[in-house]
Amino acid sequence: MAEPKTKPTDASVEAFLDAAQPPRRVEEGHRLATIMREETGMEPVMWGSSMVGYGSYHYVSASRTSTTEGDWPKVAFSPRKGAISLYGLKDQPEGAALLPDLGGYSEGAGCVYVKRLEQVDEQVLRRLIRIAWSRGDDPVRGDGRRDDR
């Protein structure tokens, strides 16, 4: 089984956010950290070198040839240069259904990209965070593979 590369670290979230580029990402990153803290009730933790995460869940991902499992933040973000990456918002069916109401965004395989925080509906964002936060661990079958029923 492959070992996940992205794990919680002791790195400073504050220092990471303060170093974001371009400069508007500093303000957006701190604002997003506040919103996520308010909605989850948790303090942020750095996951790897570039992701600010809240809480965690255990995932199991099975393919025909192998099973990967590990822990991942329930909700997270990264204030990247080109866009803010938001993780966990579309993982649950209720979140995926609500996503079109968010405002200006695009999607990647596992995340939602927002060019400017001001372009999204904050109340919808808060609902998406609460939905992501409600996620539990992935159910597994006796053979260790995910139960997708």
Protein backbone atom coordinates (compact mmCIF):
# COMPACT_ATOMS: atom_id res chain seq x y z
CA MET A 1 0.00 0.00 0.00
CA ALA A 2 1.38 3.41 -0.97
CA GLU A 3 2.15 5.85 1.85
CA PRO A 4 0.32 9.19 1.47
CA LYS A 5 2.71 12.11 0.91
CA THR A 6 0.46 14.88 2.25
CA LYS A 7 0.27 14.72 6.04
CA PRO A 8 -0.30 17.17 8.89
CA THR A 9 2.81 19.10 9.92
CA ASP A 10 3.83 21.47 12.73
CA ALA A 11 4.52 24.30 10.26
CA SER A 12 2.98 27.68 11.03
CA VAL A 13 -0.30 28.35 9.24
CA GLU A 14 0.09 32.07 10.00
CA ALA A 15 3.56 32.22 8.40
CA PHE A 16 2.36 30.27 5.37
CA LEU A 17 -0.59 32.63 4.84
CA ASP A 18 1.56 35.72 5.38
CA ALA A 19 3.91 34.56 2.60
CA ALA A 20 1.15 34.00 0.01
CA GLN A 21 1.53 35.63 -3.40
CA PRO A 22 0.25 37.80 -4.97
CA PRO A 23 -0.30 40.10 -1.95
CA ARG A 24 -4.13 39.90 -2.19
CA ARG A 25 -3.84 36.16 -1.38
CA VAL A 26 -2.56 37.08 2.10
CA GLU A 27 -5.82 38.86 2.95
CA GLU A 28 -7.95 36.23 1.19
CA GLY A 29 -6.10 33.41 2.93
CA HIS A 30 -6.60 34.92 6.38
CA ARG A 31 -10.28 35.62 5.62
CA LEU A 32 -10.81 32.05 4.44
CA ALA A 33 -9.00 30.70 7.52
CA THR A 34 -11.38 32.71 9.71
CA ILE A 35 -14.46 31.46 7.83
CA MET A 36 -13.32 27.83 8.03
CA ARG A 37 -12.43 28.18 11.72
CA GLU A 38 -15.90 29.63 12.43
CA GLU A 39 -17.70 26.87 10.52
CA THR A 40 -15.65 23.91 11.81
CA GLY A 41 -14.78 25.09 15.31
CA MET A 42 -11.23 23.84 14.68
CA GLU A 43 -7.85 25.51 14.47
CA PRO A 44 -6.10 25.09 11.12
CA VAL A 45 -3.18 22.74 10.57
CA MET A 46 -0.71 22.72 7.69
CA TRP A 47 -1.01 19.60 5.55
CA GLY A 48 2.22 19.20 3.62
CA SER A 49 3.86 22.46 2.62
CA SER A 50 0.94 24.20 0.95
CA MET A 51 -2.47 23.17 2.29
CA VAL A 52 -4.33 24.60 5.30
CA GLY A 53 -6.63 21.89 6.65
CA TYR A 54 -9.34 21.41 9.24
CA GLY A 55 -10.07 18.06 10.85
CA SER A 56 -9.47 14.78 9.05
CA TYR A 57 -11.16 11.65 7.84
CA HIS A 58 -9.82 8.24 6.88
CA TYR A 59 -10.21 7.36 3.21
CA VAL A 60 -9.93 4.07 1.36
CA SER A 61 -9.51 4.14 -2.41
CA ALA A 62 -9.46 0.82 -4.20
CA SER A 63 -8.55 0.14 -7.79
CA ARG A 64 -8.25 -3.15 -9.63
CA THR A 65 -4.58 -3.41 -8.76
CA SER A 66 -4.18 -1.80 -5.33
CA THR A 67 -5.78 -0.12 -2.37
CA THR A 68 -4.63 3.25 -1.08
CA GLU A 69 -5.73 4.58 2.25
CA GLY A 70 -4.80 7.35 4.59
CA ASP A 71 -6.03 10.48 6.26
CA TRP A 72 -7.07 13.68 4.53
CA PRO A 73 -8.48 16.97 5.81
CA LYS A 74 -12.27 17.19 5.82
CA VAL A 75 -11.99 20.69 4.40
CA ALA A 76 -8.88 22.59 3.30
CA PHE A 77 -7.57 25.36 1.10
CA SER A 78 -4.42 26.68 -0.48
CA PRO A 79 -4.02 30.34 -1.53
CA ARG A 80 -2.11 29.65 -4.74
CA LYS A 81 -0.90 32.32 -7.14
CA GLY A 82 -3.45 31.70 -9.90
CA ALA A 83 -6.42 30.76 -7.71
CA ILE A 84 -7.47 29.63 -4.27
CA SER A 85 -7.81 25.86 -4.21
CA LEU A 86 -10.64 24.59 -1.99
CA TYR A 87 -10.68 20.92 -0.99
CA GLY A 88 -13.58 18.81 0.24
CA LEU A 89 -16.41 21.04 -0.99
CA LYS A 90 -17.64 18.70 -3.72
CA ASP A 91 -16.95 15.31 -2.11
CA GLN A 92 -20.45 14.84 -0.70
CA PRO A 93 -23.51 14.66 -2.98
CA GLU A 94 -25.18 17.54 -1.11
CA GLY A 95 -22.09 19.72 -1.63
CA ALA A 96 -21.78 18.82 -5.30
CA ALA A 97 -25.45 19.78 -5.80
CA LEU A 98 -24.97 23.14 -4.04
CA LEU A 99 -21.72 24.03 -5.82
CA PRO A 100 -23.36 25.81 -8.81
CA ASP A 101 -24.74 28.38 -6.35
CA LEU A 102 -21.24 29.32 -5.13
CA GLY A 103 -20.53 31.95 -7.76
CA GLY A 104 -17.35 32.28 -9.85
CA TYR A 105 -15.39 29.01 -9.69
CA SER A 106 -13.93 26.21 -11.77
CA GLU A 107 -13.29 22.59 -10.90
CA GLY A 108 -10.33 20.27 -10.85
CA ALA A 109 -10.37 16.55 -10.16
CA GLY A 110 -10.50 16.92 -6.38
CA CYS A 111 -10.89 20.62 -5.76
CA VAL A 112 -12.69 23.83 -6.54
CA TYR A 113 -10.74 26.85 -7.82
CA VAL A 114 -11.74 30.41 -6.98
CA LYS A 115 -9.85 33.31 -8.59
CA ARG A 116 -11.10 35.88 -6.04
CA LEU A 117 -12.82 35.20 -2.75
CA GLU A 118 -15.05 38.24 -3.31
CA GLN A 119 -16.57 36.50 -6.38
CA VAL A 120 -18.24 33.77 -4.34
CA ASP A 121 -21.37 33.83 -2.20
CA GLU A 122 -20.02 33.63 1.36
CA GLN A 123 -23.21 32.06 2.74
CA VAL A 124 -23.05 29.28 0.13
CA LEU A 125 -19.35 28.82 0.88
CA ARG A 126 -20.16 28.47 4.58
CA ARG A 127 -22.83 25.85 3.82
CA LEU A 128 -20.38 23.93 1.62
CA ILE A 129 -17.82 23.97 4.45
CA ARG A 130 -20.41 22.64 6.93
CA ILE A 131 -21.38 19.88 4.51
CA ALA A 132 -17.72 18.91 4.02
CA TRP A 133 -17.16 19.06 7.76
CA SER A 134 -19.96 16.51 8.35
CA ARG A 135 -18.10 13.84 6.38
CA GLY A 136 -17.20 10.64 8.19
CA ASP A 137 -14.54 8.05 7.45
CA ASP A 138 -14.97 6.00 4.28
CA PRO A 139 -16.78 2.72 4.97
CA VAL A 140 -14.67 -0.35 4.19
CA ARG A 141 -15.53 -3.94 3.41
CA GLY A 142 -13.94 -6.95 5.06
CA ASP A 143 -11.28 -7.08 2.35
CA GLY A 144 -10.19 -3.51 3.13
CA ARG A 145 -11.70 -2.06 -0.03
CA ARG A 146 -14.11 0.83 -0.01
CA ASP A 147 -17.78 0.00 0.12
CA ASP A 148 -19.38 2.15 -2.61
CA ARG A 149 -22.93 0.93 -2.04
